[in-house]
């Protein structure tokens, strides 16, 4: 039974899972759209939205909280300063008036070969 167990294992070890999530989230922020399996998209969607909310809410805070928010985002994204800069300076200001729901998933159908359900995960335009 998986009562009160957060997250999906995705058939990977802990290190592989965290690396996969870090790469997929950074690709989502870089390209603003990624094509992946439904399970992987569902696994990263919440964390990506929390990062956008963190960046959006830090804009209203004082300098100490802004620096702390950037440090938190850097820790999650694996020390990618250009990605953190893009998140805080380009992506977060777009969603200033939006209360949530920054991503959207479109189903593409099964993948040839293993019939995995494919989706496009993208940032909502606004």
Protein backbone atom coordinates (compact mmCIF):
# COMPACT_ATOMS: atom_id res chain seq x y z
CA UNK A 1 0.00 0.00 0.00
CA UNK A 2 1.22 3.49 -0.87
CA UNK A 3 -0.69 5.50 1.72
CA UNK A 4 0.86 8.96 2.32
CA UNK A 5 3.74 8.33 -0.10
CA UNK A 6 4.45 11.41 -2.18
CA UNK A 7 5.76 11.33 -5.74
CA UNK A 8 6.26 8.64 -8.35
CA UNK A 9 9.31 6.37 -8.55
CA UNK A 10 9.41 6.31 -12.38
CA UNK A 11 11.39 3.03 -12.22
CA UNK A 12 14.53 4.89 -11.16
CA UNK A 13 16.74 5.27 -8.11
CA UNK A 14 16.50 8.41 -5.99
CA UNK A 15 19.49 10.09 -7.65
CA UNK A 16 18.25 9.27 -11.14
CA UNK A 17 14.77 10.59 -10.28
CA UNK A 18 16.06 13.89 -8.95
CA UNK A 19 18.35 14.33 -11.96
CA UNK A 20 15.50 13.55 -14.34
CA UNK A 21 13.20 16.05 -12.63
CA UNK A 22 15.91 18.73 -12.65
CA UNK A 23 16.60 18.23 -16.36
CA UNK A 24 12.94 18.15 -17.38
CA UNK A 25 12.09 21.29 -15.39
CA UNK A 26 15.05 23.18 -16.81
CA UNK A 27 14.10 22.09 -20.35
CA UNK A 28 10.53 23.22 -19.71
CA UNK A 29 11.76 26.66 -18.64
CA UNK A 30 14.26 26.86 -21.51
CA UNK A 31 11.98 25.81 -24.37
CA UNK A 32 8.65 26.58 -22.65
CA UNK A 33 7.32 23.32 -24.11
CA UNK A 34 8.47 19.71 -23.81
CA UNK A 35 7.23 16.43 -25.24
CA UNK A 36 7.45 13.59 -22.73
CA UNK A 37 5.49 10.72 -21.24
CA UNK A 38 2.43 11.40 -19.15
CA UNK A 39 3.97 9.96 -15.97
CA UNK A 40 7.07 12.16 -16.23
CA UNK A 41 4.98 15.24 -16.99
CA UNK A 42 2.77 14.63 -13.97
CA UNK A 43 5.85 14.09 -11.81
CA UNK A 44 7.41 17.48 -12.66
CA UNK A 45 4.31 19.63 -13.15
CA UNK A 46 3.78 20.45 -9.48
CA UNK A 47 7.40 21.29 -8.79
CA UNK A 48 7.62 23.53 -11.87
CA UNK A 49 4.51 25.43 -10.79
CA UNK A 50 5.88 25.83 -7.26
CA UNK A 51 9.09 27.30 -8.68
CA UNK A 52 7.12 29.81 -10.75
CA UNK A 53 5.06 30.75 -7.69
CA UNK A 54 8.24 31.16 -5.64
CA UNK A 55 9.70 33.49 -8.26
CA UNK A 56 6.44 35.41 -8.64
CA UNK A 57 5.94 35.96 -4.90
CA UNK A 58 9.55 37.02 -4.33
CA UNK A 59 9.05 40.07 -6.55
CA UNK A 60 6.94 41.69 -3.80
CA UNK A 61 9.41 40.96 -0.99
CA UNK A 62 12.47 42.82 0.30
CA UNK A 63 16.02 42.08 -0.87
CA UNK A 64 16.75 39.39 1.70
CA UNK A 65 13.72 37.35 0.67
CA UNK A 66 14.56 37.82 -3.03
CA UNK A 67 18.05 36.44 -2.52
CA UNK A 68 16.69 33.54 -0.46
CA UNK A 69 14.13 32.69 -3.15
CA UNK A 70 16.86 32.65 -5.81
CA UNK A 71 18.97 30.36 -3.62
CA UNK A 72 16.05 27.98 -3.16
CA UNK A 73 15.40 27.90 -6.91
CA UNK A 74 19.11 27.35 -7.60
CA UNK A 75 19.16 24.39 -5.21
CA UNK A 76 16.18 22.79 -6.96
CA UNK A 77 17.45 23.48 -10.48
CA UNK A 78 20.92 22.17 -9.70
CA UNK A 79 23.05 25.31 -9.75
CA UNK A 80 22.07 26.71 -13.14
CA UNK A 81 22.33 30.50 -12.74
CA UNK A 82 21.12 31.31 -16.27
CA UNK A 83 18.00 29.21 -15.74
CA UNK A 84 17.27 30.92 -12.42
CA UNK A 85 17.75 34.33 -14.05
CA UNK A 86 15.31 33.43 -16.83
CA UNK A 87 12.79 32.09 -14.30
CA UNK A 88 12.85 35.22 -12.14
CA UNK A 89 13.27 37.86 -14.87
CA UNK A 90 11.23 36.51 -17.81
CA UNK A 91 8.86 33.72 -16.80
CA UNK A 92 7.56 34.86 -13.38
CA UNK A 93 6.58 38.43 -14.42
CA UNK A 94 4.34 36.95 -17.13
CA UNK A 95 2.13 35.33 -14.50
CA UNK A 96 1.97 38.26 -12.07
CA UNK A 97 -1.84 38.45 -12.12
CA UNK A 98 -2.48 34.72 -12.59
CA UNK A 99 -3.30 32.86 -9.32
CA UNK A 100 -1.97 29.49 -10.50
CA UNK A 101 -2.17 26.94 -13.29
CA UNK A 102 0.92 28.00 -15.22
CA UNK A 103 1.25 24.76 -17.21
CA UNK A 104 -0.97 22.89 -19.64
CA UNK A 105 -0.85 19.27 -20.85
CA UNK A 106 -2.00 18.08 -24.28
CA UNK A 107 -2.31 14.38 -25.01
CA UNK A 108 -0.60 13.16 -28.18
CA UNK A 109 -1.48 9.46 -28.12
CA UNK A 110 0.69 6.38 -27.71
CA UNK A 111 4.37 6.33 -28.64
CA UNK A 112 5.40 3.85 -31.32
CA UNK A 113 7.49 1.08 -29.89
CA UNK A 114 6.30 0.82 -26.31
CA UNK A 115 2.86 2.50 -26.50
CA UNK A 116 3.70 4.91 -23.68
CA UNK A 117 1.15 7.72 -23.45
CA UNK A 118 2.83 10.90 -24.74
CA UNK A 119 1.91 14.48 -23.82
CA UNK A 120 3.12 18.00 -24.51
CA UNK A 121 3.69 19.99 -21.32
CA UNK A 122 3.88 23.71 -21.96
CA UNK A 123 3.76 27.00 -20.13
CA UNK A 124 0.47 28.84 -20.55
CA UNK A 125 0.70 31.92 -22.75
CA UNK A 126 -0.50 35.16 -21.22
